[in-house]
PDB file of N, CA and C in Angstrom:
ATOM      1  N   MET A   1      -8.085-154.188 -54.431  1.00  0.00           N
ATOM      2  CA  MET A   1      -7.173-154.207 -55.264  1.00  0.00           C
ATOM      3  C   MET A   1      -5.710-153.238 -55.441  1.00  0.00           C
ATOM      4  N   GLU A   2      -5.636-152.808 -54.815  1.00  0.00           N
ATOM      5  CA  GLU A   2      -4.223-151.909 -54.634  1.00  0.00           C
ATOM      6  C   GLU A   2      -3.308-153.363 -54.714  1.00  0.00           C
ATOM      7  N   CYS A   3      -3.382-153.965 -53.710  1.00  0.00           N
ATOM      8  CA  CYS A   3      -2.285-154.369 -53.452  1.00  0.00           C
ATOM      9  C   CYS A   3      -1.431-155.292 -54.309  1.00  0.00           C
ATOM     10  N   CYS A   4      -2.485-156.092 -55.185  1.00  0.00           N
ATOM     11  CA  CYS A   4      -2.286-156.430 -56.539  1.00  0.00           C
ATOM     12  C   CYS A   4      -1.340-155.697 -57.320  1.00  0.00           C
ATOM     13  N   ASN A   5      -1.474-154.133 -57.185  1.00  0.00           N
ATOM     14  CA  ASN A   5      -0.859-153.781 -58.697  1.00  0.00           C
ATOM     15  C   ASN A   5       0.426-153.291 -57.809  1.00  0.00           C
ATOM     16  N   GLU A   6       0.553-153.207 -56.966  1.00  0.00           N
ATOM     17  CA  GLU A   6       1.660-153.195 -55.872  1.00  0.00           C
ATOM     18  C   GLU A   6       2.528-153.555 -55.980  1.00  0.00           C
ATOM     19  N   CYS A   7       2.625-155.367 -55.723  1.00  0.00           N
ATOM     20  CA  CYS A   7       3.203-156.517 -56.165  1.00  0.00           C
ATOM     21  C   CYS A   7       3.732-156.707 -57.684  1.00  0.00           C
ATOM     22  N   GLY A   8       2.637-155.949 -58.614  1.00  0.00           N
ATOM     23  CA  GLY A   8       3.124-156.193 -59.552  1.00  0.00           C
ATOM     24  C   GLY A   8       2.465-157.147 -60.812  1.00  0.00           C
ATOM     25  N   LEU A   9       0.660-158.050 -59.904  1.00  0.00           N
ATOM     26  CA  LEU A   9       0.003-158.649 -60.149  1.00  0.00           C
ATOM     27  C   LEU A   9      -1.288-158.035 -60.849  1.00  0.00           C
ATOM     28  N   GLY A  10      -1.377-158.377 -61.392  1.00  0.00           N
ATOM     29  CA  GLY A  10      -2.608-157.607 -62.249  1.00  0.00           C
ATOM     30  C   GLY A  10      -3.707-158.767 -61.408  1.00  0.00           C
ATOM     31  N   ILE A  11      -4.981-158.625 -62.502  1.00  0.00           N
ATOM     32  CA  ILE A  11      -6.091-159.299 -61.832  1.00  0.00           C
ATOM     33  C   ILE A  11      -6.103-160.396 -62.668  1.00  0.00           C
ATOM     34  N   GLY A  12      -5.677-160.347 -64.416  1.00  0.00           N
ATOM     35  CA  GLY A  12      -5.959-161.267 -65.225  1.00  0.00           C
ATOM     36  C   GLY A  12      -4.280-162.627 -64.977  1.00  0.00           C
ATOM     37  N   MET A  13      -3.678-162.189 -63.992  1.00  0.00           N
ATOM     38  CA  MET A  13      -2.342-162.802 -63.481  1.00  0.00           C
ATOM     39  C   MET A  13      -3.182-163.922 -62.471  1.00  0.00           C
ATOM     40  N   ILE A  14      -3.779-163.209 -61.978  1.00  0.00           N
ATOM     41  CA  ILE A  14      -4.185-163.956 -60.606  1.00  0.00           C
ATOM     42  C   ILE A  14      -5.209-164.764 -61.518  1.00  0.00           C
ATOM     43  N   ILE A  15      -6.418-164.537 -62.120  1.00  0.00           N
ATOM     44  CA  ILE A  15      -7.372-165.407 -62.905  1.00  0.00           C
ATOM     45  C   ILE A  15      -6.705-166.947 -63.620  1.00  0.00           C
ATOM     46  N   LEU A  16      -5.383-166.490 -64.239  1.00  0.00           N
ATOM     47  CA  LEU A  16      -4.831-167.205 -64.877  1.00  0.00           C
ATOM     48  C   LEU A  16      -4.082-168.659 -64.007  1.00  0.00           C
ATOM     49  N   PHE A  17      -3.418-168.091 -63.012  1.00  0.00           N
ATOM     50  CA  PHE A  17      -3.298-168.787 -61.561  1.00  0.00           C
ATOM     51  C   PHE A  17      -4.479-169.568 -60.728  1.00  0.00           C
ATOM     52  N   SER A  18      -5.239-169.150 -61.018  1.00  0.00           N
ATOM     53  CA  SER A  18      -6.345-169.707 -60.498  1.00  0.00           C
ATOM     54  C   SER A  18      -7.152-170.651 -61.339  1.00  0.00           C
ATOM     55  N   VAL A  19      -7.308-170.356 -62.335  1.00  0.00           N
ATOM     56  CA  VAL A  19      -7.745-170.930 -62.936  1.00  0.00           C
ATOM     57  C   VAL A  19      -6.511-172.743 -63.665  1.00  0.00           C
ATOM     58  N   LEU A  20      -5.450-172.185 -63.403  1.00  0.00           N
ATOM     59  CA  LEU A  20      -4.128-173.481 -63.644  1.00  0.00           C
ATOM     60  C   LEU A  20      -4.014-174.100 -61.883  1.00  0.00           C
ATOM     61  N   ALA A  21      -4.666-173.591 -61.311  1.00  0.00           N
ATOM     62  CA  ALA A  21      -4.417-174.446 -60.312  1.00  0.00           C
ATOM     63  C   ALA A  21      -5.486-175.060 -60.321  1.00  0.00           C
ATOM     64  N   LEU A  22      -6.589-175.015 -60.181  1.00  0.00           N
ATOM     65  CA  LEU A  22      -7.903-175.777 -60.790  1.00  0.00           C
ATOM     66  C   LEU A  22      -7.996-176.613 -61.559  1.00  0.00           C
ATOM     67  N   TRP A  23      -7.409-176.517 -62.348  1.00  0.00           N
ATOM     68  CA  TRP A  23      -7.039-177.372 -63.525  1.00  0.00           C
ATOM     69  C   TRP A  23      -5.918-178.664 -62.897  1.00  0.00           C
ATOM     70  N   ASP A  24      -5.168-178.036 -62.535  1.00  0.00           N
ATOM     71  CA  ASP A  24      -3.858-179.329 -61.672  1.00  0.00           C
ATOM     72  C   ASP A  24      -4.892-179.881 -60.724  1.00  0.00           C
ATOM     73  N   ILE A  25      -5.704-179.454 -59.966  1.00  0.00           N
ATOM     74  CA  ILE A  25      -6.044-180.198 -58.638  1.00  0.00           C
ATOM     75  C   ILE A  25      -7.550-180.780 -59.413  1.00  0.00           C
ATOM     76  N   ILE A  26      -8.024-180.949 -60.369  1.00  0.00           N
ATOM     77  CA  ILE A  26      -8.753-181.596 -61.324  1.00  0.00           C
ATOM     78  C   ILE A  26      -8.200-183.132 -61.593  1.00  0.00           C
ATOM     79  N   TRP A  27      -7.308-182.699 -62.295  1.00  0.00           N
ATOM     80  CA  TRP A  27      -6.303-183.808 -62.863  1.00  0.00           C
ATOM     81  C   TRP A  27      -5.776-184.916 -62.195  1.00  0.00           C
ATOM     82  N   ARG A  28      -5.171-184.087 -61.064  1.00  0.00           N
ATOM     83  CA  ARG A  28      -4.576-184.753 -59.653  1.00  0.00           C
ATOM     84  C   ARG A  28      -5.013-185.557 -59.229  1.00  0.00           C
ATOM     85  N   ALA A  29      -6.584-185.206 -58.479  1.00  0.00           N
ATOM     86  CA  ALA A  29      -7.580-185.974 -58.026  1.00  0.00           C
ATOM     87  C   ALA A  29      -8.376-187.113 -58.872  1.00  0.00           C
ATOM     88  N   ILE A  30      -8.115-186.797 -60.111  1.00  0.00           N
ATOM     89  CA  ILE A  30      -8.130-187.933 -61.198  1.00  0.00           C
ATOM     90  C   ILE A  30      -7.488-188.952 -60.907  1.00  0.00           C
ATOM     91  N   ALA A  31      -6.572-188.655 -61.137  1.00  0.00           N
ATOM     92  CA  ALA A  31      -5.052-189.213 -61.490  1.00  0.00           C
ATOM     93  C   ALA A  31      -4.577-190.207 -60.099  1.00  0.00           C
ATOM     94  N   LEU A  32      -5.132-189.392 -58.806  1.00  0.00           N
ATOM     95  CA  LEU A  32      -4.606-189.909 -57.389  1.00  0.00           C
ATOM     96  C   LEU A  32      -5.763-191.325 -57.731  1.00  0.00           C
ATOM     97  N   TRP A  33      -7.101-191.196 -57.620  1.00  0.00           N
ATOM     98  CA  TRP A  33      -7.875-192.142 -57.829  1.00  0.00           C
ATOM     99  C   TRP A  33      -7.657-193.017 -58.265  1.00  0.00           C
ATOM    100  N   LYS A  34      -7.611-192.991 -59.723  1.00  0.00           N
ATOM    101  CA  LYS A  34      -7.069-194.583 -60.541  1.00  0.00           C
ATOM    102  C   LYS A  34      -5.966-194.646 -60.013  1.00  0.00           C
ATOM    103  N   SER A  35      -4.942-194.275 -59.417  1.00  0.00           N
ATOM    104  CA  SER A  35      -3.435-194.802 -59.338  1.00  0.00           C
ATOM    105  C   SER A  35      -3.653-195.692 -58.032  1.00  0.00           C
ATOM    106  N   ALA A  36      -4.851-195.328 -57.227  1.00  0.00           N
ATOM    107  CA  ALA A  36      -4.601-196.008 -55.869  1.00  0.00           C
ATOM    108  C   ALA A  36      -5.845-197.085 -56.191  1.00  0.00           C
ATOM    109  N   ARG A  37      -6.660-196.705 -57.183  1.00  0.00           N
ATOM    110  CA  ARG A  37      -7.707-198.179 -57.228  1.00  0.00           C
ATOM    111  C   ARG A  37      -6.400-199.196 -58.083  1.00  0.00           C
ATOM    112  N   ASN A  38      -5.630-198.986 -58.518  1.00  0.00           N
ATOM    113  CA  ASN A  38      -5.117-199.622 -59.773  1.00  0.00           C
ATOM    114  C   ASN A  38      -3.404-200.052 -58.679  1.00  0.00           C
ATOM    115  N   ASN A  39      -3.818-200.374 -57.610  1.00  0.00           N
ATOM    116  CA  ASN A  39      -2.583-200.314 -56.317  1.00  0.00           C
ATOM    117  C   ASN A  39      -1.079-199.716 -57.243  1.00  0.00           C
ATOM    118  N   HIS A  40      -0.791-198.487 -57.678  1.00  0.00           N
ATOM    119  CA  HIS A  40       0.064-198.017 -58.604  1.00  0.00           C
ATOM    120  C   HIS A  40       0.902-196.944 -57.444  1.00  0.00           C
ATOM    121  N   LEU A  41       1.773-197.810 -56.384  1.00  0.00           N
ATOM    122  CA  LEU A  41       1.908-196.819 -55.240  1.00  0.00           C
ATOM    123  C   LEU A  41       2.938-195.550 -55.554  1.00  0.00           C
ATOM    124  N   ALA A  42       3.848-196.240 -56.656  1.00  0.00           N
ATOM    125  CA  ALA A  42       5.092-195.068 -57.546  1.00  0.00           C
ATOM    126  C   ALA A  42       4.209-193.740 -58.139  1.00  0.00           C
ATOM    127  N   TRP A  43       3.093-194.266 -58.464  1.00  0.00           N
ATOM    128  CA  TRP A  43       2.542-192.910 -59.264  1.00  0.00           C
ATOM    129  C   TRP A  43       1.662-192.325 -58.638  1.00  0.00           C
ATOM    130  N   PHE A  44       1.278-192.862 -57.477  1.00  0.00           N
ATOM    131  CA  PHE A  44       0.472-192.245 -56.319  1.00  0.00           C
ATOM    132  C   PHE A  44       1.301-191.259 -55.959  1.00  0.00           C
ATOM    133  N   ILE A  45       2.615-191.484 -55.128  1.00  0.00           N
ATOM    134  CA  ILE A  45       3.660-190.648 -54.962  1.00  0.00           C
ATOM    135  C   ILE A  45       4.056-189.505 -55.663  1.00  0.00           C
ATOM    136  N   CYS A  46       3.949-189.966 -56.960  1.00  0.00           N
ATOM    137  CA  CYS A  46       4.271-188.681 -57.534  1.00  0.00           C
ATOM    138  C   CYS A  46       3.554-187.428 -57.856  1.00  0.00           C
ATOM    139  N   PHE A  47       2.514-188.110 -58.094  1.00  0.00           N
ATOM    140  CA  PHE A  47       1.025-187.169 -57.794  1.00  0.00           C
ATOM    141  C   PHE A  47       1.376-186.616 -56.927  1.00  0.00           C
ATOM    142  N   LEU A  48       1.681-187.041 -55.741  1.00  0.00           N
ATOM    143  CA  LEU A  48       1.423-186.230 -54.625  1.00  0.00           C
ATOM    144  C   LEU A  48       2.661-184.930 -54.207  1.00  0.00           C
ATOM    145  N   ILE A  49       3.782-185.583 -55.100  1.00  0.00           N
ATOM    146  CA  ILE A  49       5.051-184.679 -54.929  1.00  0.00           C
ATOM    147  C   ILE A  49       4.984-183.623 -55.840  1.00  0.00           C
ATOM    148  N   PHE A  50       4.770-184.250 -56.908  1.00  0.00           N
ATOM    149  CA  PHE A  50       4.875-183.328 -58.162  1.00  0.00           C
ATOM    150  C   PHE A  50       3.808-182.474 -59.111  1.00  0.00           C
ATOM    151  N   SER A  51       4.394-180.958 -58.921  1.00  0.00           N
ATOM    152  CA  SER A  51       3.344-180.183 -59.299  1.00  0.00           C
ATOM    153  C   SER A  51       3.443-180.277 -60.808  1.00  0.00           C
ATOM    154  N   THR A  52       2.451-180.840 -61.686  1.00  0.00           N
ATOM    155  CA  THR A  52       3.270-180.669 -63.439  1.00  0.00           C
ATOM    156  C   THR A  52       2.009-180.099 -64.031  1.00  0.00           C
ATOM    157  N   ILE A  53       1.054-179.551 -63.364  1.00  0.00           N
ATOM    158  CA  ILE A  53      -0.127-178.781 -63.815  1.00  0.00           C
ATOM    159  C   ILE A  53      -0.908-179.536 -64.498  1.00  0.00           C
ATOM    160  N   GLY A  54      -1.054-180.586 -64.139  1.00  0.00           N
ATOM    161  CA  GLY A  54      -1.781-181.483 -64.849  1.00  0.00           C
ATOM    162  C   GLY A  54      -1.552-182.632 -65.919  1.00  0.00           C
ATOM    163  N   ILE A  55      -0.290-182.195 -66.601  1.00  0.00           N
ATOM    164  CA  ILE A  55       0.441-182.959 -67.107  1.00  0.00           C
ATOM    165  C   ILE A  55       1.327-184.272 -67.075  1.00  0.00           C
ATOM    166  N   LEU A  56       1.257-184.766 -65.918  1.00  0.00           N
ATOM    167  CA  LEU A  56       2.066-186.083 -65.338  1.00  0.00           C
ATOM    168  C   LEU A  56       0.594-186.989 -65.001  1.00  0.00           C
ATOM    169  N   PRO A  57      -0.365-185.960 -64.294  1.00  0.00           N
ATOM    170  CA  PRO A  57      -1.520-186.976 -64.412  1.00  0.00           C
ATOM    171  C   PRO A  57      -2.296-187.669 -66.125  1.00  0.00           C
ATOM    172  N   ILE A  58      -2.411-186.552 -66.689  1.00  0.00           N
ATOM    173  CA  ILE A  58      -3.042-186.718 -68.099  1.00  0.00           C
ATOM    174  C   ILE A  58      -1.866-187.835 -68.709  1.00  0.00           C
ATOM    175  N   ILE A  59      -0.738-187.842 -68.660  1.00  0.00           N
ATOM    176  CA  ILE A  59      -0.427-188.915 -69.143  1.00  0.00           C
ATOM    177  C   ILE A  59      -0.615-190.636 -68.508  1.00  0.00           C
ATOM    178  N   TYR A  60      -0.191-190.076 -66.987  1.00  0.00           N
ATOM    179  CA  TYR A  60      -0.658-191.502 -66.448  1.00  0.00           C
ATOM    180  C   TYR A  60      -2.072-191.859 -66.829  1.00  0.00           C
ATOM    181  N   ILE A  61      -3.053-191.317 -67.281  1.00  0.00           N
ATOM    182  CA  ILE A  61      -4.636-191.315 -67.335  1.00  0.00           C
ATOM    183  C   ILE A  61      -4.293-191.890 -68.383  1.00  0.00           C
ATOM    184  N   LEU A  62      -3.485-191.301 -69.818  1.00  0.00           N
ATOM    185  CA  LEU A  62      -3.846-191.866 -70.989  1.00  0.00           C
ATOM    186  C   LEU A  62      -3.036-193.491 -71.225  1.00  0.00           C
ATOM    187  N   ILE A  63      -1.882-193.440 -70.526  1.00  0.00           N
ATOM    188  CA  ILE A  63      -1.173-194.812 -70.388  1.00  0.00           C
ATOM    189  C   ILE A  63      -1.723-195.655 -69.664  1.00  0.00           C
ATOM    190  N   ASN A  64      -2.746-195.744 -68.667  1.00  0.00           N
ATOM    191  CA  ASN A  64      -3.289-196.758 -67.964  1.00  0.00           C
ATOM    192  C   ASN A  64      -4.925-196.830 -67.963  1.00  0.00           C
ATOM    193  N   ARG A  65      -5.428-196.240 -69.240  1.00  0.00           N
ATOM    194  CA  ARG A  65      -6.812-196.825 -69.774  1.00  0.00           C
ATOM    195  C   ARG A  65      -7.292-198.067 -69.688  1.00  0.00           C
ATOM    196  N   LYS A  66      -8.648-198.150 -69.752  1.00  0.00           N
ATOM    197  CA  LYS A  66      -8.652-199.467 -70.413  1.00  0.00           C
ATOM    198  C   LYS A  66      -9.152-199.849 -71.451  1.00  0.00           C
ATOM    199  N   LYS A  67      -8.781-200.778 -71.914  1.00  0.00           N
ATOM    200  CA  LYS A  67      -9.232-200.775 -73.368  1.00  0.00           C
ATOM    201  C   LYS A  67     -10.265-201.330 -73.865  1.00  0.00           C
ATOM    202  N   PRO A  68     -11.268-201.187 -74.714  1.00  0.00           N
ATOM    203  CA  PRO A  68     -12.490-201.659 -74.760  1.00  0.00           C
ATOM    204  C   PRO A  68     -13.208-203.422 -74.685  1.00  0.00           C
ATOM    205  N   ALA A  69     -11.832-204.002 -75.202  1.00  0.00           N
ATOM    206  CA  ALA A  69     -12.052-205.469 -75.505  1.00  0.00           C
ATOM    207  C   ALA A  69     -11.548-205.905 -73.951  1.00  0.00           C
ATOM    208  N   GLU A  70     -10.501-205.457 -73.032  1.00  0.00           N
ATOM    209  CA  GLU A  70     -10.592-205.638 -71.933  1.00  0.00           C
ATOM    210  C   GLU A  70     -11.525-205.585 -70.569  1.00  0.00           C
ATOM    211  N   LYS A  71     -12.370-204.190 -70.733  1.00  0.00           N
ATOM    212  CA  LYS A  71     -13.330-204.322 -69.990  1.00  0.00           C
ATOM    213  C   LYS A  71     -14.882-205.902 -70.309  1.00  0.00           C
ATOM    214  N   GLU A  72     -15.004-206.109 -71.457  1.00  0.00           N
ATOM    215  CA  GLU A  72     -15.980-207.192 -72.248  1.00  0.00           C
ATOM    216  C   GLU A  72     -15.403-208.093 -71.441  1.00  0.00           C
ATOM    217  N   ALA A  73     -13.754-208.741 -71.627  1.00  0.00           N
ATOM    218  CA  ALA A  73     -13.487-209.883 -71.084  1.00  0.00           C
ATOM    219  C   ALA A  73     -13.527-210.190 -69.304  1.00  0.00           C
ATOM    220  N   LYS A  74     -13.396-209.217 -68.643  1.00  0.00           N
ATOM    221  CA  LYS A  74     -14.127-208.801 -67.193  1.00  0.00           C
ATOM    222  C   LYS A  74     -15.149-208.928 -66.705  1.00  0.00           C
ATOM    223  N   ALA A  75     -16.550-208.647 -67.869  1.00  0.00           N
ATOM    224  CA  ALA A  75     -17.824-208.495 -67.675  1.00  0.00           C
ATOM    225  C   ALA A  75     -18.315-210.171 -67.978  1.00  0.00           C
TER     226      ALA A  75
END
């Protein structure tokens, strides 16, 4: 742990960055899967290129979620 203290990063910062990276990976994976299933190529490419700590994927998921009436109509 000496190298972390030498470069100015504490263990708290490392944990914070790890949690943020995991948060981003989870949301990005969900959004990539949904955009691929919906044939939204532009969204898919944006998720691959931009790292927004989960903000862009959450916005996509909220905008493109299925309404309960749409699910019943398809069934």
